[in-house]
N, C-alpha and C. Protein backbone atom coordinates (compact mmCIF):
# COMPACT_ATOMS: atom_id res chain seq x y z
N MET A 1 -1.89 -54.47 102.08
CA MET A 1 -1.99 -54.21 100.94
C MET A 1 -0.38 -53.59 100.50
N ALA A 2 -0.15 -54.70 99.72
CA ALA A 2 1.39 -54.26 98.81
C ALA A 2 1.44 -52.89 98.17
N ARG A 3 2.37 -52.33 98.18
CA ARG A 3 2.66 -51.17 97.31
C ARG A 3 3.38 -51.74 95.76
N ILE A 4 3.17 -50.96 95.38
CA ILE A 4 3.63 -51.30 94.03
C ILE A 4 3.81 -49.88 93.42
N ASN A 5 5.08 -49.78 92.72
CA ASN A 5 5.68 -48.54 92.48
C ASN A 5 5.36 -48.56 90.83
N LEU A 6 4.75 -47.98 90.23
CA LEU A 6 3.97 -47.77 88.86
C LEU A 6 4.83 -46.35 88.31
N LEU A 7 5.67 -45.68 88.72
CA LEU A 7 6.10 -44.56 88.37
C LEU A 7 7.10 -45.01 87.14
N PRO A 8 8.13 -46.06 87.35
CA PRO A 8 9.05 -46.13 86.46
C PRO A 8 8.34 -46.51 85.28
N TRP A 9 7.33 -47.38 85.31
CA TRP A 9 6.50 -47.85 84.26
C TRP A 9 5.79 -46.79 83.36
N ARG A 10 5.44 -45.90 84.49
CA ARG A 10 4.53 -44.62 83.53
C ARG A 10 5.59 -44.00 83.14
N GLU A 11 6.84 -43.41 83.93
CA GLU A 11 7.66 -42.72 83.40
C GLU A 11 8.26 -43.17 82.11
N ALA A 12 8.06 -44.58 81.67
CA ALA A 12 8.81 -44.83 80.60
C ALA A 12 7.93 -44.81 79.27
N ARG A 13 6.60 -44.94 80.31
CA ARG A 13 5.35 -44.59 78.77
C ARG A 13 5.14 -43.50 78.17
N ARG A 14 5.90 -42.33 79.54
CA ARG A 14 5.77 -41.01 79.12
C ARG A 14 6.86 -40.39 78.47
N GLN A 15 7.91 -41.36 78.57
CA GLN A 15 9.06 -40.56 77.60
C GLN A 15 9.08 -41.47 75.89
N ARG A 16 8.24 -42.61 76.23
CA ARG A 16 8.14 -43.21 74.84
C ARG A 16 7.07 -42.74 73.99
N ARG A 17 6.08 -42.02 74.73
CA ARG A 17 5.24 -41.36 74.11
C ARG A 17 5.77 -39.84 73.56
N ARG A 18 6.52 -39.25 74.45
CA ARG A 18 6.97 -37.89 74.15
C ARG A 18 7.97 -38.40 73.00
N ARG A 19 8.98 -39.49 72.77
CA ARG A 19 9.54 -39.78 71.86
C ARG A 19 8.75 -40.04 70.52
N ASP A 20 7.99 -41.03 70.76
CA ASP A 20 6.85 -40.97 69.36
C ASP A 20 6.43 -39.83 69.04
N PHE A 21 5.56 -38.63 69.98
CA PHE A 21 5.28 -37.51 69.33
C PHE A 21 6.62 -36.53 68.67
N LEU A 22 7.68 -36.44 69.56
CA LEU A 22 8.85 -35.77 68.17
C LEU A 22 9.27 -36.28 67.25
N VAL A 23 8.92 -37.54 66.82
CA VAL A 23 9.49 -38.54 66.16
C VAL A 23 8.17 -38.10 64.89
N ALA A 24 6.79 -37.95 65.16
CA ALA A 24 5.82 -37.53 64.66
C ALA A 24 6.36 -36.32 64.28
N VAL A 25 6.08 -35.44 64.95
CA VAL A 25 6.41 -33.91 64.85
C VAL A 25 7.58 -33.82 63.55
N GLY A 26 8.88 -34.68 63.74
CA GLY A 26 10.36 -34.49 63.05
C GLY A 26 9.58 -34.88 61.46
N VAL A 27 8.89 -35.99 61.58
CA VAL A 27 8.35 -37.04 60.37
C VAL A 27 7.26 -35.67 59.54
N ALA A 28 6.51 -35.51 60.35
CA ALA A 28 5.28 -34.17 59.68
C ALA A 28 6.09 -33.18 59.24
N VAL A 29 7.49 -32.30 60.07
CA VAL A 29 8.26 -31.46 59.29
C VAL A 29 9.03 -31.60 58.05
N ALA A 30 9.51 -33.20 58.07
CA ALA A 30 10.42 -33.49 56.83
C ALA A 30 9.30 -33.26 55.99
N VAL A 31 8.24 -34.20 56.04
CA VAL A 31 7.37 -34.28 55.25
C VAL A 31 6.62 -33.15 54.71
N THR A 32 6.47 -32.49 55.38
CA THR A 32 6.15 -30.90 55.20
C THR A 32 6.87 -30.05 54.15
N LEU A 33 8.62 -30.16 54.70
CA LEU A 33 9.94 -29.53 53.95
C LEU A 33 9.94 -30.05 52.64
N ALA A 34 9.46 -31.70 52.63
CA ALA A 34 9.88 -31.95 51.55
C ALA A 34 8.40 -31.95 49.93
N LEU A 35 7.68 -31.69 50.69
CA LEU A 35 6.28 -31.28 49.84
C LEU A 35 6.55 -30.01 49.51
N GLY A 36 7.13 -28.94 50.40
CA GLY A 36 7.24 -27.67 50.12
C GLY A 36 8.58 -27.52 48.87
N PHE A 37 9.24 -28.60 49.17
CA PHE A 37 10.61 -28.65 48.34
C PHE A 37 9.93 -28.93 46.92
N GLY A 38 9.28 -30.18 46.66
CA GLY A 38 8.75 -30.69 45.80
C GLY A 38 7.77 -29.97 45.05
N SER A 39 7.22 -29.14 45.81
CA SER A 39 6.17 -28.01 45.19
C SER A 39 6.96 -26.27 44.39
N GLN A 40 7.93 -26.59 45.62
CA GLN A 40 9.09 -25.62 44.46
C GLN A 40 9.37 -25.64 43.51
N LEU A 41 10.23 -26.82 43.39
CA LEU A 41 10.78 -27.42 42.34
C LEU A 41 9.76 -27.47 40.82
N GLN A 42 8.62 -27.81 41.18
CA GLN A 42 7.13 -28.02 40.14
C GLN A 42 7.44 -26.43 40.06
N VAL A 43 6.98 -25.90 40.66
CA VAL A 43 6.27 -24.43 40.59
C VAL A 43 7.64 -23.75 39.54
N ASP A 44 8.95 -24.31 39.70
CA ASP A 44 10.23 -23.55 39.19
C ASP A 44 10.10 -24.04 37.75
N ARG A 45 9.74 -25.61 37.68
CA ARG A 45 9.76 -26.44 36.42
C ARG A 45 8.99 -25.44 35.44
N MET A 46 7.95 -25.46 35.96
CA MET A 46 6.54 -24.53 35.03
C MET A 46 6.77 -23.38 34.64
N ILE A 47 7.42 -22.49 35.59
CA ILE A 47 7.65 -21.29 35.38
C ILE A 47 9.04 -21.30 33.93
N ALA A 48 9.95 -22.17 34.37
CA ALA A 48 10.71 -22.57 33.23
C ALA A 48 9.91 -22.95 31.79
N ASP A 49 9.50 -23.97 31.93
CA ASP A 49 8.28 -24.21 30.87
C ASP A 49 8.34 -23.08 30.22
N GLN A 50 6.99 -22.08 30.94
CA GLN A 50 6.36 -21.33 30.04
C GLN A 50 7.37 -20.05 29.41
N GLN A 51 8.40 -20.03 30.65
CA GLN A 51 9.53 -18.95 29.82
C GLN A 51 9.64 -19.63 28.44
N SER A 52 9.94 -21.03 28.17
CA SER A 52 10.71 -21.39 27.28
C SER A 52 9.66 -21.36 26.06
N ARG A 53 8.27 -21.67 26.24
CA ARG A 53 7.22 -21.12 25.44
C ARG A 53 7.22 -19.69 25.01
N ASN A 54 7.10 -18.88 26.06
CA ASN A 54 7.32 -17.58 25.93
C ASN A 54 8.23 -16.90 24.67
N ALA A 55 9.46 -17.57 24.76
CA ALA A 55 10.66 -17.33 24.14
C ALA A 55 10.40 -17.60 22.75
N PHE A 56 9.88 -19.27 22.75
CA PHE A 56 9.61 -19.68 21.44
C PHE A 56 8.12 -18.78 20.58
N LEU A 57 7.60 -18.56 21.30
CA LEU A 57 6.59 -17.45 20.67
C LEU A 57 6.92 -16.44 20.32
N ASN A 58 7.76 -15.60 21.22
CA ASN A 58 8.18 -14.31 20.85
C ASN A 58 9.26 -14.50 19.12
N GLU A 59 9.85 -15.46 19.34
CA GLU A 59 11.10 -15.75 18.25
C GLU A 59 10.33 -15.93 16.90
N GLU A 60 8.88 -16.69 17.35
CA GLU A 60 7.61 -17.06 16.22
C GLU A 60 7.12 -15.46 15.78
N ILE A 61 7.28 -14.87 16.51
CA ILE A 61 6.46 -13.42 16.32
C ILE A 61 7.29 -12.34 15.65
N ARG A 62 8.74 -12.56 16.26
CA ARG A 62 9.54 -11.69 15.24
C ARG A 62 9.88 -12.27 13.82
N ARG A 63 9.69 -13.94 13.47
CA ARG A 63 10.23 -14.15 12.26
C ARG A 63 8.66 -13.95 11.43
N LEU A 64 7.30 -13.73 11.86
CA LEU A 64 6.35 -13.54 11.47
C LEU A 64 6.43 -12.26 10.77
N ASP A 65 6.83 -11.21 12.09
CA ASP A 65 7.04 -9.55 11.47
C ASP A 65 7.96 -9.58 10.42
N ARG A 66 9.30 -10.44 10.30
CA ARG A 66 9.94 -9.88 9.40
C ARG A 66 9.35 -10.75 7.60
N GLN A 67 8.08 -11.56 8.13
CA GLN A 67 7.83 -12.35 6.82
C GLN A 67 6.74 -11.02 6.44
N ILE A 68 6.00 -10.35 7.70
CA ILE A 68 5.09 -9.34 7.02
C ILE A 68 5.27 -8.38 6.01
N ARG A 69 6.68 -7.82 7.05
CA ARG A 69 7.59 -6.90 6.15
C ARG A 69 8.06 -6.99 4.97
N GLU A 70 8.52 -8.30 4.49
CA GLU A 70 8.83 -8.46 3.24
C GLU A 70 7.54 -8.49 2.43
N ILE A 71 6.22 -9.24 2.53
CA ILE A 71 5.28 -9.06 2.20
C ILE A 71 4.65 -7.87 1.80
N GLU A 72 4.69 -7.00 3.06
CA GLU A 72 4.33 -5.31 2.65
C GLU A 72 5.58 -4.95 1.41
N ASP A 73 6.70 -5.55 1.48
CA ASP A 73 7.59 -4.62 0.37
C ASP A 73 7.53 -5.46 -0.77
N LEU A 74 6.89 -6.62 -1.00
CA LEU A 74 6.40 -7.22 -1.89
C LEU A 74 5.25 -6.66 -2.60
N GLU A 75 3.96 -5.89 -1.65
CA GLU A 75 3.13 -5.60 -2.09
C GLU A 75 3.33 -3.68 -2.59
N LYS A 76 4.34 -3.50 -2.10
CA LYS A 76 4.50 -2.08 -2.87
C LYS A 76 5.22 -2.17 -4.24
N THR A 77 5.99 -3.33 -4.35
CA THR A 77 7.09 -3.41 -5.37
C THR A 77 6.04 -4.08 -6.58
N LYS A 78 4.82 -4.92 -6.50
CA LYS A 78 3.78 -5.05 -7.16
C LYS A 78 3.09 -3.88 -7.19
N ALA A 79 2.41 -2.92 -6.50
CA ALA A 79 2.11 -2.08 -7.05
C ALA A 79 2.71 -1.22 -7.97
N ARG A 80 4.02 -0.88 -7.89
CA ARG A 80 4.80 -0.24 -8.66
C ARG A 80 4.76 -0.86 -10.10
N LEU A 81 5.20 -1.93 -9.91
CA LEU A 81 5.18 -2.71 -11.17
C LEU A 81 3.58 -2.44 -12.01
N LEU A 82 2.66 -2.73 -11.25
CA LEU A 82 1.47 -2.42 -11.99
C LEU A 82 0.80 -1.43 -12.42
N ALA A 83 1.25 -0.07 -11.75
CA ALA A 83 1.62 0.68 -11.90
C ALA A 83 1.95 1.33 -13.52
N ARG A 84 3.32 0.79 -13.51
CA ARG A 84 4.33 0.59 -15.06
C ARG A 84 3.81 0.12 -15.98
N MET A 85 3.03 -1.06 -15.35
CA MET A 85 2.52 -2.01 -16.71
C MET A 85 1.46 -1.07 -17.15
N ASP A 86 0.34 -0.71 -15.91
CA ASP A 86 -0.61 0.29 -16.83
C ASP A 86 -0.20 1.55 -17.71
N ILE A 87 1.02 2.16 -17.02
CA ILE A 87 1.59 3.31 -18.13
C ILE A 87 1.71 2.81 -19.50
N ILE A 88 2.45 1.53 -19.56
CA ILE A 88 2.89 0.93 -20.45
C ILE A 88 1.50 0.60 -21.53
N GLN A 89 0.95 0.16 -20.88
CA GLN A 89 -0.45 -0.36 -21.93
C GLN A 89 -1.19 1.21 -22.08
N ARG A 90 -1.06 1.98 -21.17
CA ARG A 90 -1.81 3.56 -22.17
C ARG A 90 -1.02 4.00 -23.06
N LEU A 91 0.07 4.00 -22.88
CA LEU A 91 1.09 4.18 -24.09
C LEU A 91 1.00 3.30 -25.30
N GLN A 92 1.17 1.97 -24.77
CA GLN A 92 0.63 1.15 -26.02
C GLN A 92 -0.75 1.83 -26.97
N GLU A 93 -1.65 1.52 -25.93
CA GLU A 93 -2.76 2.27 -26.52
C GLU A 93 -3.13 3.47 -27.28
N SER A 94 -1.96 4.48 -26.33
CA SER A 94 -2.14 5.97 -27.49
C SER A 94 -1.36 6.11 -28.34
N ARG A 95 -0.32 5.12 -28.80
CA ARG A 95 0.26 5.07 -30.05
C ARG A 95 -0.53 5.40 -31.41
N PRO A 96 -1.57 4.63 -31.79
CA PRO A 96 -2.13 4.90 -32.89
C PRO A 96 -3.00 6.66 -32.93
N GLU A 97 -3.20 6.91 -31.74
CA GLU A 97 -3.25 8.48 -31.36
C GLU A 97 -2.91 9.76 -32.01
N VAL A 98 -1.75 9.56 -31.96
CA VAL A 98 -0.71 10.52 -32.36
C VAL A 98 -1.24 10.52 -34.18
N VAL A 99 -1.24 9.07 -34.56
CA VAL A 99 -1.58 9.29 -36.31
C VAL A 99 -2.66 9.83 -36.04
N HIS A 100 -3.72 9.33 -35.68
CA HIS A 100 -5.00 9.81 -35.56
C HIS A 100 -5.00 10.89 -35.55
N LEU A 101 -4.55 11.73 -34.43
CA LEU A 101 -4.39 13.56 -34.85
C LEU A 101 -3.79 14.04 -35.95
N PHE A 102 -2.65 13.38 -36.46
CA PHE A 102 -2.24 14.36 -37.59
C PHE A 102 -3.19 13.68 -38.75
N ASP A 103 -3.78 12.78 -38.95
CA ASP A 103 -4.47 12.70 -40.12
C ASP A 103 -5.77 13.04 -40.12
N GLU A 104 -6.02 13.86 -38.53
CA GLU A 104 -7.22 14.68 -38.83
C GLU A 104 -7.13 16.04 -38.86
N LEU A 105 -5.84 16.34 -38.71
CA LEU A 105 -5.30 17.83 -38.76
C LEU A 105 -5.18 18.00 -40.50
N VAL A 106 -4.64 17.12 -41.02
CA VAL A 106 -4.47 16.89 -42.70
C VAL A 106 -5.81 17.14 -43.42
N ASP A 107 -6.74 16.33 -42.57
CA ASP A 107 -8.07 16.11 -43.27
C ASP A 107 -8.67 17.64 -42.85
N THR A 108 -8.66 18.48 -41.46
CA THR A 108 -9.76 19.31 -40.86
C THR A 108 -8.97 20.64 -41.66
N ILE A 109 -7.89 20.94 -41.85
CA ILE A 109 -7.03 22.33 -42.57
C ILE A 109 -7.38 22.62 -43.85
N PRO A 110 -8.23 23.62 -43.99
CA PRO A 110 -8.63 24.15 -45.10
C PRO A 110 -7.47 24.65 -45.85
N ASP A 111 -8.02 24.99 -47.15
CA ASP A 111 -7.01 25.46 -48.10
C ASP A 111 -6.46 27.16 -47.20
N GLY A 112 -5.60 27.74 -47.39
CA GLY A 112 -4.95 29.05 -46.88
C GLY A 112 -4.95 28.96 -45.54
N VAL A 113 -4.71 27.68 -44.69
CA VAL A 113 -4.20 27.57 -43.49
C VAL A 113 -2.84 27.18 -43.13
N PHE A 114 -1.73 27.73 -42.85
CA PHE A 114 -0.77 27.16 -42.72
C PHE A 114 -0.36 26.37 -41.16
N LEU A 115 0.06 25.50 -40.70
CA LEU A 115 0.23 25.54 -39.36
C LEU A 115 1.80 25.90 -38.83
N THR A 116 2.06 26.71 -37.95
CA THR A 116 3.73 26.61 -37.78
C THR A 116 4.07 25.90 -36.36
N SER A 117 3.17 25.36 -35.58
CA SER A 117 3.16 24.48 -34.20
C SER A 117 2.21 23.92 -34.16
N VAL A 118 2.64 22.53 -33.19
CA VAL A 118 1.50 21.85 -32.63
C VAL A 118 1.87 21.48 -31.40
N ALA A 119 1.65 21.58 -29.91
CA ALA A 119 2.05 21.13 -29.01
C ALA A 119 0.89 20.55 -28.16
N GLN A 120 1.42 19.37 -27.74
CA GLN A 120 0.12 18.63 -27.31
C GLN A 120 0.46 18.18 -25.30
N GLN A 121 -0.52 18.53 -24.61
CA GLN A 121 -0.45 18.48 -23.19
C GLN A 121 -2.12 17.92 -22.92
N ALA A 122 -1.61 16.13 -22.40
CA ALA A 122 -2.51 15.39 -21.90
C ALA A 122 -3.37 15.40 -23.35
N ARG A 123 -4.74 15.54 -23.35
CA ARG A 123 -5.61 15.41 -24.20
C ARG A 123 -5.86 16.74 -25.21
N SER A 124 -5.05 17.92 -24.51
CA SER A 124 -5.50 19.20 -24.73
C SER A 124 -4.40 19.26 -26.09
N VAL A 125 -4.59 19.93 -27.22
CA VAL A 125 -3.72 20.07 -28.57
C VAL A 125 -3.70 21.73 -28.70
N VAL A 126 -2.74 22.57 -28.80
CA VAL A 126 -2.46 23.93 -29.16
C VAL A 126 -1.80 23.80 -30.22
N VAL A 127 -2.50 24.28 -31.53
CA VAL A 127 -1.95 24.61 -32.50
C VAL A 127 -1.76 26.44 -33.27
N GLU A 128 -0.34 26.56 -33.45
CA GLU A 128 0.00 28.08 -33.98
C GLU A 128 0.04 27.83 -35.69
N GLY A 129 -0.54 28.73 -35.89
CA GLY A 129 -0.49 29.20 -37.79
C GLY A 129 -0.88 30.42 -38.20
N ARG A 130 -0.86 30.55 -39.35
CA ARG A 130 -1.19 31.51 -40.48
C ARG A 130 -2.22 31.30 -41.02
N ALA A 131 -3.13 32.43 -41.47
CA ALA A 131 -4.31 32.13 -42.17
C ALA A 131 -4.56 33.34 -43.13
N GLN A 132 -4.78 32.92 -44.56
CA GLN A 132 -5.12 33.81 -45.53
C GLN A 132 -6.15 34.94 -44.88
N SER A 133 -7.40 34.40 -44.04
CA SER A 133 -8.66 34.97 -43.63
C SER A 133 -8.98 34.39 -42.62
N ASN A 134 -9.58 35.43 -41.53
CA ASN A 134 -10.23 35.14 -40.84
C ASN A 134 -11.09 33.99 -40.77
N ALA A 135 -12.02 34.19 -41.99
CA ALA A 135 -12.94 33.13 -42.39
C ALA A 135 -12.37 31.56 -42.69
N ARG A 136 -10.69 31.52 -43.12
CA ARG A 136 -10.72 30.44 -42.99
C ARG A 136 -10.17 29.78 -41.46
N VAL A 137 -9.84 30.64 -40.91
CA VAL A 137 -9.62 30.06 -39.18
C VAL A 137 -11.20 29.38 -38.43
N SER A 138 -12.12 30.36 -39.20
CA SER A 138 -13.24 29.98 -38.84
C SER A 138 -13.79 28.75 -39.55
N ALA A 139 -13.50 28.52 -40.67
CA ALA A 139 -13.84 27.27 -41.55
C ALA A 139 -13.19 25.65 -40.67
N PHE A 140 -12.01 26.20 -40.36
CA PHE A 140 -10.80 25.33 -39.75
C PHE A 140 -11.47 24.96 -38.24
N MET A 141 -12.10 25.83 -37.57
CA MET A 141 -12.77 25.66 -36.78
C MET A 141 -14.21 24.86 -36.40
N ARG A 142 -14.88 24.73 -37.56
CA ARG A 142 -15.79 24.11 -38.09
C ARG A 142 -15.76 22.35 -38.36
N ASN A 143 -14.33 22.36 -38.95
CA ASN A 143 -14.10 21.26 -39.19
C ASN A 143 -13.42 20.40 -38.51
N ILE A 144 -13.21 20.84 -37.02
CA ILE A 144 -12.60 20.36 -35.51
C ILE A 144 -13.83 20.21 -35.27
N GLU A 145 -14.73 20.63 -35.07
CA GLU A 145 -16.18 20.47 -34.57
C GLU A 145 -16.79 18.87 -35.08
N ASN A 146 -16.23 19.18 -36.27
CA ASN A 146 -17.42 18.32 -37.07
C ASN A 146 -16.18 16.74 -36.93
N SER A 147 -15.39 16.90 -36.69
CA SER A 147 -14.22 15.60 -36.47
C SER A 147 -14.51 14.30 -35.55
N THR A 148 -14.36 12.96 -35.59
CA THR A 148 -14.41 12.10 -35.09
C THR A 148 -13.35 12.21 -33.80
N TRP A 149 -12.45 12.51 -34.07
CA TRP A 149 -10.88 12.63 -33.12
C TRP A 149 -10.85 13.59 -32.31
N VAL A 150 -10.95 14.66 -32.98
CA VAL A 150 -10.93 16.31 -32.08
C VAL A 150 -12.08 16.97 -32.13
N ASP A 151 -12.00 17.94 -31.05
CA ASP A 151 -13.42 18.55 -31.16
C ASP A 151 -13.05 19.39 -29.91
N ASN A 152 -14.23 20.50 -29.62
CA ASN A 152 -14.27 21.83 -28.70
C ASN A 152 -12.90 22.63 -28.98
N PRO A 153 -12.98 23.53 -30.40
CA PRO A 153 -12.05 24.20 -30.40
C PRO A 153 -12.21 25.52 -30.11
N ILE A 154 -11.03 25.95 -29.35
CA ILE A 154 -11.45 27.17 -28.73
C ILE A 154 -10.11 28.45 -29.29
N LEU A 155 -10.68 29.47 -29.59
CA LEU A 155 -9.86 30.62 -30.40
C LEU A 155 -9.20 31.37 -29.54
N LEU A 156 -7.51 31.32 -28.95
CA LEU A 156 -7.05 31.57 -27.92
C LEU A 156 -6.71 33.23 -28.60
N LEU A 157 -6.08 33.20 -29.85
CA LEU A 157 -5.19 34.32 -30.16
C LEU A 157 -5.64 34.96 -31.58
N ILE A 158 -5.85 35.76 -32.16
CA ILE A 158 -5.56 36.23 -33.71
C ILE A 158 -5.30 37.37 -33.85
N GLU A 159 -4.46 37.37 -34.78
CA GLU A 159 -4.02 39.01 -35.16
C GLU A 159 -4.17 38.81 -36.44
N ASN A 160 -4.86 40.07 -36.67
CA ASN A 160 -5.16 41.08 -38.16
C ASN A 160 -3.90 40.83 -39.07
N LYS A 161 -4.52 40.70 -40.38
CA LYS A 161 -3.04 40.89 -41.31
C LYS A 161 -2.34 42.26 -41.33
N GLU A 162 -3.25 43.33 -40.80
CA GLU A 162 -2.59 44.27 -40.86
C GLU A 162 -1.57 44.43 -39.83
N LYS A 163 -2.00 43.72 -38.82
CA LYS A 163 -0.88 43.51 -37.85
C LYS A 163 0.48 42.89 -37.79
N THR A 164 0.18 41.97 -38.71
CA THR A 164 1.49 40.87 -38.97
C THR A 164 2.58 41.38 -39.54
N GLY A 165 1.70 42.24 -41.08
CA GLY A 165 2.74 42.69 -42.00
C GLY A 165 2.88 41.68 -42.97
N ASP A 166 2.76 40.54 -43.27
CA ASP A 166 3.12 39.67 -44.33
C ASP A 166 1.92 39.02 -44.77
N GLY A 167 0.49 39.82 -44.30
CA GLY A 167 -0.51 39.49 -45.54
C GLY A 167 -1.56 38.35 -44.82
N LEU A 168 -0.83 37.52 -43.83
CA LEU A 168 -1.56 36.54 -43.13
C LEU A 168 -1.97 36.66 -41.95
N SER A 169 -2.97 36.49 -41.33
CA SER A 169 -3.32 36.62 -40.14
C SER A 169 -2.99 35.61 -39.02
N ARG A 170 -2.40 35.80 -37.95
CA ARG A 170 -1.67 34.79 -37.10
C ARG A 170 -2.82 34.50 -36.26
N PHE A 171 -2.84 32.86 -35.63
CA PHE A 171 -3.72 32.52 -34.68
C PHE A 171 -3.37 31.70 -33.91
N ARG A 172 -3.69 31.28 -32.83
CA ARG A 172 -3.81 30.33 -31.78
C ARG A 172 -4.93 29.46 -31.14
N LEU A 173 -4.87 28.26 -31.64
CA LEU A 173 -6.12 27.23 -31.25
C LEU A 173 -5.74 26.44 -30.55
N ARG A 174 -6.82 25.83 -29.46
CA ARG A 174 -6.93 24.86 -28.56
C ARG A 174 -8.08 24.17 -29.00
N PHE A 175 -7.69 22.53 -29.07
CA PHE A 175 -8.76 21.78 -29.07
C PHE A 175 -8.73 20.63 -28.53
N ASP A 176 -9.55 19.52 -28.07
CA ASP A 176 -9.20 18.23 -27.64
C ASP A 176 -9.46 17.15 -28.36
N GLN A 177 -8.71 16.13 -28.14
CA GLN A 177 -7.95 15.50 -28.79
C GLN A 177 -9.16 13.48 -28.47
N HIS A 178 -9.54 13.19 -28.73
CA HIS A 178 -10.59 11.84 -28.23
C HIS A 178 -9.71 10.78 -28.81
N GLY A 179 -9.70 9.48 -27.96
CA GLY A 179 -9.05 8.40 -28.20
C GLY A 179 -10.38 7.48 -27.97
N PRO A 180 -9.79 6.24 -28.11
CA PRO A 180 -10.95 5.03 -28.44
C PRO A 180 -10.89 4.69 -26.66
N HIS A 181 -11.27 5.39 -25.59
CA HIS A 181 -11.31 5.40 -24.39
C HIS A 181 -12.48 5.94 -24.21
N ASP A 182 -12.39 7.42 -24.79
CA ASP A 182 -13.39 8.16 -24.88
C ASP A 182 -14.52 7.95 -25.88
N GLU A 183 -14.36 6.94 -26.84
CA GLU A 183 -15.49 6.66 -27.51
C GLU A 183 -16.19 5.97 -27.05
N ALA A 184 -15.71 4.73 -26.32
CA ALA A 184 -16.43 3.91 -25.49
C ALA A 184 -17.42 4.11 -24.52
N ALA A 185 -16.88 5.56 -23.81
CA ALA A 185 -17.80 6.52 -22.69
C ALA A 185 -18.94 6.73 -22.88
């Protein structure tokens, strides 16, 4: 039998397999690196996109916060203006009340009673004056009770004729004034 040397052929095949294996490993490493680099770029791009969306949302939030502050300022201004309008409306409605008050005072003051001062605070009126007698002050109080625009008279002070020295009693009287609002209630 003849001897055939198959070693160089096997050696060549072994080297080719080793080279093919190294090429396959190199290609796998290159593909892995390319995929890793590509995925890294994709993640970086997604992060940048999300950061730009976050920046846009933050800017919109700041803009809306400014608008909310402006709206709150406008609401405060509106409330102040409505309060002023309400005050003006109440003043307009109360204008005739002064006329009614003085008209009622003229109608309720009996002969022999003289007023020296009239002071009003809110719906309460305090009058001071002189009277020829205490009976005239009592008549004045009865007239106030029977009036439609004033009522609830309370005598705060009365000094007799002897103490004043001028023959007239001095008195101070408080009563309440009504308006159109009170009649409807």
